[in-house]
Amino acid sequence: MEDFDKIILGIDPGTNILGYGLIGIQNKQLNLISTGILRMSKLENHQLKLKKIFESITHIVEEYLPDEVAIEAPFFGKNVQSMLKLGRAQGVAMAAALVKDLPIVEYSPRKVKQAITGNGNSSKEQVAAMIQSILKLNVLPKELDATDGIAVAVCHHFQYQYKEKASYASWKDFATKNKKRIN
């Protein structure tokens, strides 16, 4: 695997399908490392689904060694039971990363869409098309849940870049924190 400055794991949690994407940042360039889905609809109960999420995210973290994890927050829907199950799926995915001492940041679905497309009400297809453009991918993953996982990681990268740029109190502060960048 290439030597990246940073690797971000993005997770779009779900109880039937969980999407994930790993991006590597090298010299400010974004590269897709891996993406996929966990399909759990055939598992017979919710506890088995949660176990599969925990084991799979643990395996992904151990294989790719991400520096940070970004996860989409559950959104409020009309069905409270669905939201509870989604929250559990998110919590188990977070626990798998926390066991490895990885920092985790949550983003609302609207924030992810806004960061990727400029419109918080974008469709999954619009998000996928922008991910294809941003990462210069020839082919998109078949599952939109996988693309959503990538989008969460890219959103986190964009947010981190913005915070990094905006974290200087003055030119003197910038110069002090960036001695290598100043001639």
C-alpha atoms as a PDB file:
ATOM      1  CA  MET A   1       0.000   0.000   0.000  1.00  0.00           C
ATOM      2  CA  GLU A   2       1.169   3.516  -0.745  1.00  0.00           C
ATOM      3  CA  ASP A   3       2.526   5.747   1.983  1.00  0.00           C
ATOM      4  CA  PHE A   4      -0.259   8.237   2.668  1.00  0.00           C
ATOM      5  CA  ASP A   5      -0.086  11.345   4.824  1.00  0.00           C
ATOM      6  CA  LYS A   6      -3.462  10.347   6.259  1.00  0.00           C
ATOM      7  CA  ILE A   7      -6.041   7.602   5.807  1.00  0.00           C
ATOM      8  CA  ILE A   8      -9.709   8.263   6.596  1.00  0.00           C
ATOM      9  CA  LEU A   9     -12.355   5.575   7.010  1.00  0.00           C
ATOM     10  CA  GLY A  10     -15.845   6.808   6.178  1.00  0.00           C
ATOM     11  CA  ILE A  11     -18.867   4.819   7.329  1.00  0.00           C
ATOM     12  CA  ASP A  12     -22.505   5.049   6.273  1.00  0.00           C
ATOM     13  CA  PRO A  13     -24.105   2.872   8.960  1.00  0.00           C
ATOM     14  CA  GLY A  14     -27.084   0.665   8.368  1.00  0.00           C
ATOM     15  CA  THR A  15     -28.640  -2.469   9.783  1.00  0.00           C
ATOM     16  CA  ASN A  16     -29.239  -4.153   6.434  1.00  0.00           C
ATOM     17  CA  ILE A  17     -26.457  -2.533   4.406  1.00  0.00           C
ATOM     18  CA  LEU A  18     -23.489  -0.622   5.816  1.00  0.00           C
ATOM     19  CA  GLY A  19     -21.315   1.254   3.341  1.00  0.00           C
ATOM     20  CA  TYR A  20     -17.698   2.172   3.890  1.00  0.00           C
ATOM     21  CA  GLY A  21     -14.906   3.907   2.030  1.00  0.00           C
ATOM     22  CA  LEU A  22     -11.242   4.461   2.764  1.00  0.00           C
ATOM     23  CA  ILE A  23      -9.443   7.395   1.244  1.00  0.00           C
ATOM     24  CA  GLY A  24      -5.766   8.206   1.428  1.00  0.00           C
ATOM     25  CA  ILE A  25      -4.436  11.746   1.297  1.00  0.00           C
ATOM     26  CA  GLN A  26      -1.013  12.222  -0.204  1.00  0.00           C
ATOM     27  CA  ASN A  27       0.305  15.694  -1.002  1.00  0.00           C
ATOM     28  CA  LYS A  28      -3.271  17.041  -0.698  1.00  0.00           C
ATOM     29  CA  GLN A  29      -4.446  14.558  -3.358  1.00  0.00           C
ATOM     30  CA  LEU A  30      -7.357  12.260  -2.518  1.00  0.00           C
ATOM     31  CA  ASN A  31      -7.061   8.604  -3.489  1.00  0.00           C
ATOM     32  CA  LEU A  32      -9.601   5.837  -3.085  1.00  0.00           C
ATOM     33  CA  ILE A  33      -7.999   2.942  -1.206  1.00  0.00           C
ATOM     34  CA  SER A  34     -10.959   0.627  -0.742  1.00  0.00           C
ATOM     35  CA  THR A  35     -14.729   0.652  -0.575  1.00  0.00           C
ATOM     36  CA  GLY A  36     -17.496  -1.810  -0.066  1.00  0.00           C
ATOM     37  CA  ILE A  37     -20.615  -2.791   1.776  1.00  0.00           C
ATOM     38  CA  LEU A  38     -21.599  -5.156   4.538  1.00  0.00           C
ATOM     39  CA  ARG A  39     -24.827  -6.886   3.583  1.00  0.00           C
ATOM     40  CA  MET A  40     -26.695  -8.126   6.628  1.00  0.00           C
ATOM     41  CA  SER A  41     -30.285  -8.548   5.464  1.00  0.00           C
ATOM     42  CA  LYS A  42     -30.049 -12.356   5.605  1.00  0.00           C
ATOM     43  CA  LEU A  43     -28.901 -12.463   9.229  1.00  0.00           C
ATOM     44  CA  GLU A  44     -31.745 -13.640  11.406  1.00  0.00           C
ATOM     45  CA  ASN A  45     -31.613 -11.121  14.255  1.00  0.00           C
ATOM     46  CA  HIS A  46     -30.387  -7.667  15.172  1.00  0.00           C
ATOM     47  CA  GLN A  47     -27.691  -8.927  17.556  1.00  0.00           C
ATOM     48  CA  LEU A  48     -26.036 -10.953  14.787  1.00  0.00           C
ATOM     49  CA  LYS A  49     -26.057  -7.861  12.564  1.00  0.00           C
ATOM     50  CA  LEU A  50     -24.373  -5.815  15.289  1.00  0.00           C
ATOM     51  CA  LYS A  51     -21.771  -8.538  15.798  1.00  0.00           C
ATOM     52  CA  LYS A  52     -21.017  -8.603  12.054  1.00  0.00           C
ATOM     53  CA  ILE A  53     -20.644  -4.798  12.000  1.00  0.00           C
ATOM     54  CA  PHE A  54     -18.229  -4.866  14.944  1.00  0.00           C
ATOM     55  CA  GLU A  55     -16.129  -7.700  13.535  1.00  0.00           C
ATOM     56  CA  SER A  56     -16.048  -6.238  10.012  1.00  0.00           C
ATOM     57  CA  ILE A  57     -15.108  -2.695  11.066  1.00  0.00           C
ATOM     58  CA  THR A  58     -12.443  -4.151  13.382  1.00  0.00           C
ATOM     59  CA  HIS A  59     -11.029  -6.126  10.455  1.00  0.00           C
ATOM     60  CA  ILE A  60     -11.048  -3.062   8.149  1.00  0.00           C
ATOM     61  CA  VAL A  61      -9.289  -0.960  10.809  1.00  0.00           C
ATOM     62  CA  GLU A  62      -6.657  -3.646  11.381  1.00  0.00           C
ATOM     63  CA  GLU A  63      -6.053  -4.120   7.651  1.00  0.00           C
ATOM     64  CA  TYR A  64      -5.893  -0.489   6.509  1.00  0.00           C
ATOM     65  CA  LEU A  65      -4.820   1.310   9.719  1.00  0.00           C
ATOM     66  CA  PRO A  66      -6.834   4.511   9.213  1.00  0.00           C
ATOM     67  CA  ASP A  67      -5.820   7.618  11.139  1.00  0.00           C
ATOM     68  CA  GLU A  68      -9.372   8.881  11.587  1.00  0.00           C
ATOM     69  CA  VAL A  69     -12.938   7.673  11.258  1.00  0.00           C
ATOM     70  CA  ALA A  70     -15.869   9.700   9.973  1.00  0.00           C
ATOM     71  CA  ILE A  71     -19.372   8.332  10.394  1.00  0.00           C
ATOM     72  CA  GLU A  72     -22.762   9.502   9.253  1.00  0.00           C
ATOM     73  CA  ALA A  73     -25.132  10.280  12.116  1.00  0.00           C
ATOM     74  CA  PRO A  74     -28.581   8.696  12.171  1.00  0.00           C
ATOM     75  CA  PHE A  75     -31.256  11.014  10.886  1.00  0.00           C
ATOM     76  CA  PHE A  76     -34.628  11.434  12.518  1.00  0.00           C
ATOM     77  CA  GLY A  77     -37.243   9.497  10.626  1.00  0.00           C
ATOM     78  CA  LYS A  78     -40.850   8.643  11.225  1.00  0.00           C
ATOM     79  CA  ASN A  79     -40.083   5.146  12.518  1.00  0.00           C
ATOM     80  CA  VAL A  80     -38.552   5.285  15.998  1.00  0.00           C
ATOM     81  CA  GLN A  81     -37.635   1.563  15.966  1.00  0.00           C
ATOM     82  CA  SER A  82     -35.649   1.998  12.738  1.00  0.00           C
ATOM     83  CA  MET A  83     -33.814   4.969  14.198  1.00  0.00           C
ATOM     84  CA  LEU A  84     -32.953   3.005  17.359  1.00  0.00           C
ATOM     85  CA  LYS A  85     -31.569   0.122  15.295  1.00  0.00           C
ATOM     86  CA  LEU A  86     -29.587   2.523  13.115  1.00  0.00           C
ATOM     87  CA  GLY A  87     -28.187   4.212  16.235  1.00  0.00           C
ATOM     88  CA  ARG A  88     -27.074   0.841  17.564  1.00  0.00           C
ATOM     89  CA  ALA A  89     -25.368   0.034  14.251  1.00  0.00           C
ATOM     90  CA  GLN A  90     -23.576   3.372  14.360  1.00  0.00           C
ATOM     91  CA  GLY A  91     -22.575   2.837  18.002  1.00  0.00           C
ATOM     92  CA  VAL A  92     -21.141  -0.612  17.324  1.00  0.00           C
ATOM     93  CA  ALA A  93     -19.143   0.707  14.345  1.00  0.00           C
ATOM     94  CA  MET A  94     -17.856   3.533  16.552  1.00  0.00           C
ATOM     95  CA  ALA A  95     -16.928   1.073  19.311  1.00  0.00           C
ATOM     96  CA  ALA A  96     -14.845  -0.962  16.854  1.00  0.00           C
ATOM     97  CA  ALA A  97     -12.855   2.192  16.034  1.00  0.00           C
ATOM     98  CA  LEU A  98     -12.670   3.361  19.653  1.00  0.00           C
ATOM     99  CA  VAL A  99     -11.146   0.047  20.732  1.00  0.00           C
ATOM    100  CA  LYS A 100      -8.250   0.945  18.398  1.00  0.00           C
ATOM    101  CA  ASP A 101      -8.042   4.504  19.852  1.00  0.00           C
ATOM    102  CA  LEU A 102      -9.095   6.159  16.606  1.00  0.00           C
ATOM    103  CA  PRO A 103     -10.646   9.623  16.650  1.00  0.00           C
ATOM    104  CA  ILE A 104     -14.223   9.656  15.360  1.00  0.00           C
ATOM    105  CA  VAL A 105     -16.209  12.550  13.918  1.00  0.00           C
ATOM    106  CA  GLU A 106     -19.939  12.427  13.159  1.00  0.00           C
ATOM    107  CA  TYR A 107     -21.576  14.223  10.248  1.00  0.00           C
ATOM    108  CA  SER A 108     -25.270  14.608   9.522  1.00  0.00           C
ATOM    109  CA  PRO A 109     -26.473  13.270   6.155  1.00  0.00           C
ATOM    110  CA  ARG A 110     -27.264  16.867   5.146  1.00  0.00           C
ATOM    111  CA  LYS A 111     -23.712  18.019   6.035  1.00  0.00           C
ATOM    112  CA  VAL A 112     -22.179  15.223   3.948  1.00  0.00           C
ATOM    113  CA  LYS A 113     -24.340  16.094   0.925  1.00  0.00           C
ATOM    114  CA  GLN A 114     -23.578  19.804   1.360  1.00  0.00           C
ATOM    115  CA  ALA A 115     -19.823  19.160   1.515  1.00  0.00           C
ATOM    116  CA  ILE A 116     -19.820  16.922  -1.560  1.00  0.00           C
ATOM    117  CA  THR A 117     -22.364  18.555  -3.891  1.00  0.00           C
ATOM    118  CA  GLY A 118     -22.964  21.994  -2.410  1.00  0.00           C
ATOM    119  CA  ASN A 119     -26.608  21.034  -1.811  1.00  0.00           C
ATOM    120  CA  GLY A 120     -27.778  19.425   1.433  1.00  0.00           C
ATOM    121  CA  ASN A 121     -30.794  17.935  -0.356  1.00  0.00           C
ATOM    122  CA  SER A 122     -28.852  16.089  -3.074  1.00  0.00           C
ATOM    123  CA  SER A 123     -29.835  12.591  -4.125  1.00  0.00           C
ATOM    124  CA  LYS A 124     -27.581   9.572  -3.589  1.00  0.00           C
ATOM    125  CA  GLU A 125     -26.956   9.555  -7.356  1.00  0.00           C
ATOM    126  CA  GLN A 126     -25.804  13.197  -7.329  1.00  0.00           C
ATOM    127  CA  VAL A 127     -23.445  12.461  -4.421  1.00  0.00           C
ATOM    128  CA  ALA A 128     -22.076   9.426  -6.303  1.00  0.00           C
ATOM    129  CA  ALA A 129     -21.474  11.484  -9.455  1.00  0.00           C
ATOM    130  CA  MET A 130     -19.540  14.120  -7.490  1.00  0.00           C
ATOM    131  CA  ILE A 131     -17.484  11.448  -5.706  1.00  0.00           C
ATOM    132  CA  GLN A 132     -16.597  10.030  -9.123  1.00  0.00           C
ATOM    133  CA  SER A 133     -15.480  13.491 -10.239  1.00  0.00           C
ATOM    134  CA  ILE A 134     -13.599  14.409  -7.044  1.00  0.00           C
ATOM    135  CA  LEU A 135     -11.676  11.125  -6.919  1.00  0.00           C
ATOM    136  CA  LYS A 136     -11.353  10.827 -10.718  1.00  0.00           C
ATOM    137  CA  LEU A 137     -12.809   7.322 -10.690  1.00  0.00           C
ATOM    138  CA  ASN A 138     -13.400   5.507 -13.969  1.00  0.00           C
ATOM    139  CA  VAL A 139     -16.080   3.303 -12.436  1.00  0.00           C
ATOM    140  CA  LEU A 140     -18.334   3.858  -9.453  1.00  0.00           C
ATOM    141  CA  PRO A 141     -19.091   1.133  -6.916  1.00  0.00           C
ATOM    142  CA  LYS A 142     -22.301  -0.740  -7.765  1.00  0.00           C
ATOM    143  CA  GLU A 143     -23.882   0.032  -4.400  1.00  0.00           C
ATOM    144  CA  LEU A 144     -24.749   3.623  -3.515  1.00  0.00           C
ATOM    145  CA  ASP A 145     -24.171   2.756   0.146  1.00  0.00           C
ATOM    146  CA  ALA A 146     -20.473   2.239  -0.682  1.00  0.00           C
ATOM    147  CA  THR A 147     -20.372   5.626  -2.414  1.00  0.00           C
ATOM    148  CA  ASP A 148     -22.028   7.161   0.660  1.00  0.00           C
ATOM    149  CA  GLY A 149     -19.254   5.720   2.842  1.00  0.00           C
ATOM    150  CA  ILE A 150     -16.666   7.339   0.574  1.00  0.00           C
ATOM    151  CA  ALA A 151     -18.618  10.611   0.706  1.00  0.00           C
ATOM    152  CA  VAL A 152     -18.467  10.655   4.523  1.00  0.00           C
ATOM    153  CA  ALA A 153     -14.665  10.253   4.373  1.00  0.00           C
ATOM    154  CA  VAL A 154     -14.313  12.995   1.738  1.00  0.00           C
ATOM    155  CA  CYS A 155     -16.617  15.278   3.756  1.00  0.00           C
ATOM    156  CA  HIS A 156     -14.366  14.793   6.774  1.00  0.00           C
ATOM    157  CA  HIS A 157     -11.285  15.611   4.722  1.00  0.00           C
ATOM    158  CA  PHE A 158     -12.911  18.816   3.457  1.00  0.00           C
ATOM    159  CA  GLN A 159     -13.958  19.809   6.996  1.00  0.00           C
ATOM    160  CA  TYR A 160     -10.481  19.095   8.347  1.00  0.00           C
ATOM    161  CA  GLN A 161      -8.882  21.168   5.576  1.00  0.00           C
ATOM    162  CA  TYR A 162     -11.199  24.066   6.354  1.00  0.00           C
ATOM    163  CA  LYS A 163     -10.534  23.894  10.095  1.00  0.00           C
ATOM    164  CA  GLU A 164      -6.806  23.666   9.476  1.00  0.00           C
ATOM    165  CA  LYS A 165      -6.869  26.773   7.274  1.00  0.00           C
ATOM    166  CA  ALA A 166      -9.096  28.717   9.637  1.00  0.00           C
ATOM    167  CA  SER A 167      -7.124  27.944  12.792  1.00  0.00           C
ATOM    168  CA  TYR A 168      -4.708  30.873  12.661  1.00  0.00           C
ATOM    169  CA  ALA A 169      -5.304  33.889  14.867  1.00  0.00           C
ATOM    170  CA  SER A 170      -2.908  36.145  12.920  1.00  0.00           C
ATOM    171  CA  TRP A 171      -0.111  36.176  10.349  1.00  0.00           C
ATOM    172  CA  LYS A 172       2.360  35.801  13.207  1.00  0.00           C
ATOM    173  CA  ASP A 173       0.448  32.722  14.399  1.00  0.00           C
ATOM    174  CA  PHE A 174       0.498  31.306  10.841  1.00  0.00           C
ATOM    175  CA  ALA A 175       4.256  31.941  10.523  1.00  0.00           C
ATOM    176  CA  THR A 176       4.955  30.302  13.878  1.00  0.00           C
ATOM    177  CA  LYS A 177       2.953  27.187  12.972  1.00  0.00           C
ATOM    178  CA  ASN A 178       4.308  26.944   9.386  1.00  0.00           C
ATOM    179  CA  LYS A 179       8.047  27.639   9.589  1.00  0.00           C
ATOM    180  CA  LYS A 180       8.791  25.083   6.836  1.00  0.00           C
ATOM    181  CA  ARG A 181       6.445  26.867   4.412  1.00  0.00           C
ATOM    182  CA  ILE A 182       8.078  30.295   4.801  1.00  0.00           C
ATOM    183  CA  ASN A 183      11.314  31.085   2.915  1.00  0.00           C
END
